[in-house]
Amino acid sequence: QSGLPIRKITSIDIDPSCESIARTMNHLEVCEDKFEAITNDMCDHHSTADVIINTSCEHLTQEKYDAWLSMIHDHALIVLQSNNYKHPEHIRTIDSLDTFIEQSQIDVIWSGELELPLYTRYMIIGKIK
């Protein structure tokens, strides 16, 4: 609903409960055939998208992240987020933006962090090296 010329958004999550929530939150875009939600392992989904967004890098081992990254085509813009929040489901938290950039293995165009009450949220945008 930003007004950006987006043709299609595909949300991929391994948790099946996310599919109906995503469709509900994006109901207008679903009706216009601009949004789809898929239950799948992101490492099994090949995409030709221009922009790839991963908002939960802390949930992936480095090996799983590397496998996922290897499937992204060279021209895609990659947006990554992670955090330093200690949680049992977070298996690859980071302690700094520099560490996140190093782990990302992409050519970074922009990076930043957001201090929140319980943790810091890190974000980087870039392209395949």
C-alpha atoms as a PDB file:
ATOM      1  CA  GLN A   1       0.000   0.000   0.000  1.00  0.00           C
ATOM      2  CA  SER A   2       3.078   2.211  -0.337  1.00  0.00           C
ATOM      3  CA  GLY A   3       2.335   3.261  -3.888  1.00  0.00           C
ATOM      4  CA  LEU A   4       5.578   1.671  -5.107  1.00  0.00           C
ATOM      5  CA  PRO A   5       5.257  -0.148  -8.441  1.00  0.00           C
ATOM      6  CA  ILE A   6       5.328  -3.659  -6.945  1.00  0.00           C
ATOM      7  CA  ARG A   7       4.107  -6.424  -9.229  1.00  0.00           C
ATOM      8  CA  LYS A   8       4.122  -9.281  -6.725  1.00  0.00           C
ATOM      9  CA  ILE A   9       5.163 -10.084  -3.163  1.00  0.00           C
ATOM     10  CA  THR A  10       5.732 -13.667  -2.077  1.00  0.00           C
ATOM     11  CA  SER A  11       6.022 -14.434   1.628  1.00  0.00           C
ATOM     12  CA  ILE A  12       7.791 -17.699   2.422  1.00  0.00           C
ATOM     13  CA  ASP A  13       7.785 -19.188   5.904  1.00  0.00           C
ATOM     14  CA  ILE A  14       8.428 -22.693   7.147  1.00  0.00           C
ATOM     15  CA  ASP A  15       5.777 -22.225   9.853  1.00  0.00           C
ATOM     16  CA  PRO A  16       2.368 -23.109   8.342  1.00  0.00           C
ATOM     17  CA  SER A  17       0.511 -20.817  10.769  1.00  0.00           C
ATOM     18  CA  CYS A  18       2.145 -17.785   9.097  1.00  0.00           C
ATOM     19  CA  GLU A  19       0.417 -18.385   5.760  1.00  0.00           C
ATOM     20  CA  SER A  20      -3.113 -17.471   6.868  1.00  0.00           C
ATOM     21  CA  ILE A  21      -1.867 -14.565   8.991  1.00  0.00           C
ATOM     22  CA  ALA A  22       0.073 -13.124   6.036  1.00  0.00           C
ATOM     23  CA  ARG A  23      -2.916 -13.484   3.731  1.00  0.00           C
ATOM     24  CA  THR A  24      -5.166 -11.742   6.253  1.00  0.00           C
ATOM     25  CA  MET A  25      -2.716  -8.867   6.766  1.00  0.00           C
ATOM     26  CA  ASN A  26      -2.341  -8.415   3.009  1.00  0.00           C
ATOM     27  CA  HIS A  27      -5.956  -9.078   2.023  1.00  0.00           C
ATOM     28  CA  LEU A  28      -6.184  -6.225  -0.502  1.00  0.00           C
ATOM     29  CA  GLU A  29      -3.010  -7.342  -2.276  1.00  0.00           C
ATOM     30  CA  VAL A  30      -4.243 -10.960  -2.290  1.00  0.00           C
ATOM     31  CA  CYS A  31      -7.459  -9.820  -4.016  1.00  0.00           C
ATOM     32  CA  GLU A  32      -5.384  -7.945  -6.612  1.00  0.00           C
ATOM     33  CA  ASP A  33      -3.129 -11.001  -7.127  1.00  0.00           C
ATOM     34  CA  LYS A  34      -0.134  -9.002  -5.873  1.00  0.00           C
ATOM     35  CA  PHE A  35       0.550 -11.104  -2.781  1.00  0.00           C
ATOM     36  CA  GLU A  36       0.939 -14.780  -2.060  1.00  0.00           C
ATOM     37  CA  ALA A  37       1.982 -16.639   1.077  1.00  0.00           C
ATOM     38  CA  ILE A  38       3.735 -19.986   0.809  1.00  0.00           C
ATOM     39  CA  THR A  39       4.628 -22.531   3.465  1.00  0.00           C
ATOM     40  CA  ASN A  40       8.045 -23.776   2.465  1.00  0.00           C
ATOM     41  CA  ASP A  41      11.674 -23.931   3.480  1.00  0.00           C
ATOM     42  CA  MET A  42      13.286 -20.839   1.959  1.00  0.00           C
ATOM     43  CA  CYS A  43      16.246 -22.977   0.858  1.00  0.00           C
ATOM     44  CA  ASP A  44      13.893 -24.982  -1.355  1.00  0.00           C
ATOM     45  CA  HIS A  45      12.378 -21.932  -3.055  1.00  0.00           C
ATOM     46  CA  HIS A  46      14.073 -20.574  -6.171  1.00  0.00           C
ATOM     47  CA  SER A  47      13.159 -16.961  -6.809  1.00  0.00           C
ATOM     48  CA  THR A  48      13.651 -14.593  -9.704  1.00  0.00           C
ATOM     49  CA  ALA A  49      12.569 -11.612  -7.614  1.00  0.00           C
ATOM     50  CA  ASP A  50      14.282  -8.249  -7.941  1.00  0.00           C
ATOM     51  CA  VAL A  51      14.284  -7.749  -4.166  1.00  0.00           C
ATOM     52  CA  ILE A  52      14.771 -10.539  -1.608  1.00  0.00           C
ATOM     53  CA  ILE A  53      14.089  -9.757   2.074  1.00  0.00           C
ATOM     54  CA  ASN A  54      15.065 -11.951   5.006  1.00  0.00           C
ATOM     55  CA  THR A  55      13.966 -10.467   8.337  1.00  0.00           C
ATOM     56  CA  SER A  56      15.086 -13.350  10.542  1.00  0.00           C
ATOM     57  CA  CYS A  57      18.711 -14.255   9.865  1.00  0.00           C
ATOM     58  CA  GLU A  58      19.119 -15.090  13.561  1.00  0.00           C
ATOM     59  CA  HIS A  59      17.032 -18.238  12.977  1.00  0.00           C
ATOM     60  CA  LEU A  60      19.494 -19.732  10.463  1.00  0.00           C
ATOM     61  CA  THR A  61      22.764 -21.545  10.921  1.00  0.00           C
ATOM     62  CA  GLN A  62      25.579 -20.137   8.811  1.00  0.00           C
ATOM     63  CA  GLU A  63      25.408 -23.291   6.677  1.00  0.00           C
ATOM     64  CA  LYS A  64      21.672 -22.835   6.006  1.00  0.00           C
ATOM     65  CA  TYR A  65      22.192 -19.113   5.293  1.00  0.00           C
ATOM     66  CA  ASP A  66      24.998 -19.909   2.831  1.00  0.00           C
ATOM     67  CA  ALA A  67      22.792 -22.464   1.028  1.00  0.00           C
ATOM     68  CA  TRP A  68      19.973 -19.910   0.771  1.00  0.00           C
ATOM     69  CA  LEU A  69      22.302 -17.151  -0.453  1.00  0.00           C
ATOM     70  CA  SER A  70      23.743 -19.422  -3.152  1.00  0.00           C
ATOM     71  CA  MET A  71      20.281 -19.668  -4.765  1.00  0.00           C
ATOM     72  CA  ILE A  72      19.820 -15.907  -5.183  1.00  0.00           C
ATOM     73  CA  HIS A  73      20.554 -14.499  -8.620  1.00  0.00           C
ATOM     74  CA  ASP A  74      23.311 -11.905  -8.996  1.00  0.00           C
ATOM     75  CA  HIS A  75      21.095  -8.935  -9.816  1.00  0.00           C
ATOM     76  CA  ALA A  76      18.753  -9.159  -6.822  1.00  0.00           C
ATOM     77  CA  LEU A  77      18.814  -6.535  -4.127  1.00  0.00           C
ATOM     78  CA  ILE A  78      19.125  -8.343  -0.791  1.00  0.00           C
ATOM     79  CA  VAL A  79      17.710  -6.897   2.444  1.00  0.00           C
ATOM     80  CA  LEU A  80      18.760  -8.681   5.638  1.00  0.00           C
ATOM     81  CA  GLN A  81      17.826  -8.229   9.284  1.00  0.00           C
ATOM     82  CA  SER A  82      19.106  -9.858  12.441  1.00  0.00           C
ATOM     83  CA  ASN A  83      19.469  -8.997  16.116  1.00  0.00           C
ATOM     84  CA  ASN A  84      21.379  -9.662  19.304  1.00  0.00           C
ATOM     85  CA  TYR A  85      18.352 -10.909  21.286  1.00  0.00           C
ATOM     86  CA  LYS A  86      19.145 -14.050  23.271  1.00  0.00           C
ATOM     87  CA  HIS A  87      16.264 -16.470  22.697  1.00  0.00           C
ATOM     88  CA  PRO A  88      16.181 -20.299  22.407  1.00  0.00           C
ATOM     89  CA  GLU A  89      15.062 -20.081  18.746  1.00  0.00           C
ATOM     90  CA  HIS A  90      17.856 -17.652  17.851  1.00  0.00           C
ATOM     91  CA  ILE A  91      20.789 -19.805  16.817  1.00  0.00           C
ATOM     92  CA  ARG A  92      22.965 -17.163  15.118  1.00  0.00           C
ATOM     93  CA  THR A  93      22.658 -13.917  17.034  1.00  0.00           C
ATOM     94  CA  ILE A  94      25.317 -11.307  16.496  1.00  0.00           C
ATOM     95  CA  ASP A  95      27.012  -8.773  18.724  1.00  0.00           C
ATOM     96  CA  SER A  96      27.566  -5.940  16.254  1.00  0.00           C
ATOM     97  CA  LEU A  97      26.688  -4.556  12.854  1.00  0.00           C
ATOM     98  CA  ASP A  98      30.229  -5.343  11.687  1.00  0.00           C
ATOM     99  CA  THR A  99      29.783  -9.020  12.596  1.00  0.00           C
ATOM    100  CA  PHE A 100      26.487  -9.122  10.716  1.00  0.00           C
ATOM    101  CA  ILE A 101      28.093  -7.578   7.633  1.00  0.00           C
ATOM    102  CA  GLU A 102      30.931 -10.109   7.795  1.00  0.00           C
ATOM    103  CA  GLN A 103      28.523 -13.064   8.122  1.00  0.00           C
ATOM    104  CA  SER A 104      26.291 -11.786   5.323  1.00  0.00           C
ATOM    105  CA  GLN A 105      28.823 -12.323   2.537  1.00  0.00           C
ATOM    106  CA  ILE A 106      27.211  -9.638   0.356  1.00  0.00           C
ATOM    107  CA  ASP A 107      28.487  -6.321  -0.974  1.00  0.00           C
ATOM    108  CA  VAL A 108      26.801  -3.898   1.391  1.00  0.00           C
ATOM    109  CA  ILE A 109      25.195  -0.758  -0.045  1.00  0.00           C
ATOM    110  CA  TRP A 110      23.592   0.403   3.224  1.00  0.00           C
ATOM    111  CA  SER A 111      23.699  -0.722   6.843  1.00  0.00           C
ATOM    112  CA  GLY A 112      22.174   0.458  10.082  1.00  0.00           C
ATOM    113  CA  GLU A 113      20.989  -0.517  13.504  1.00  0.00           C
ATOM    114  CA  LEU A 114      18.060   0.297  15.729  1.00  0.00           C
ATOM    115  CA  GLU A 115      18.405   0.236  19.513  1.00  0.00           C
ATOM    116  CA  LEU A 116      15.274  -1.228  21.066  1.00  0.00           C
ATOM    117  CA  PRO A 117      14.539  -1.756  24.776  1.00  0.00           C
ATOM    118  CA  LEU A 118      15.475  -5.471  24.793  1.00  0.00           C
ATOM    119  CA  TYR A 119      17.866  -5.806  21.875  1.00  0.00           C
ATOM    120  CA  THR A 120      19.449  -4.141  18.848  1.00  0.00           C
ATOM    121  CA  ARG A 121      18.016  -4.756  15.374  1.00  0.00           C
ATOM    122  CA  TYR A 122      20.586  -4.791  12.549  1.00  0.00           C
ATOM    123  CA  MET A 123      19.825  -4.287   8.875  1.00  0.00           C
ATOM    124  CA  ILE A 124      21.940  -4.424   5.745  1.00  0.00           C
ATOM    125  CA  ILE A 125      21.094  -3.975   2.092  1.00  0.00           C
ATOM    126  CA  GLY A 126      23.353  -5.175  -0.678  1.00  0.00           C
ATOM    127  CA  LYS A 127      24.048  -7.468  -3.604  1.00  0.00           C
ATOM    128  CA  ILE A 128      25.779 -10.808  -4.193  1.00  0.00           C
ATOM    129  CA  LYS A 129      29.584 -10.483  -4.137  1.00  0.00           C
END
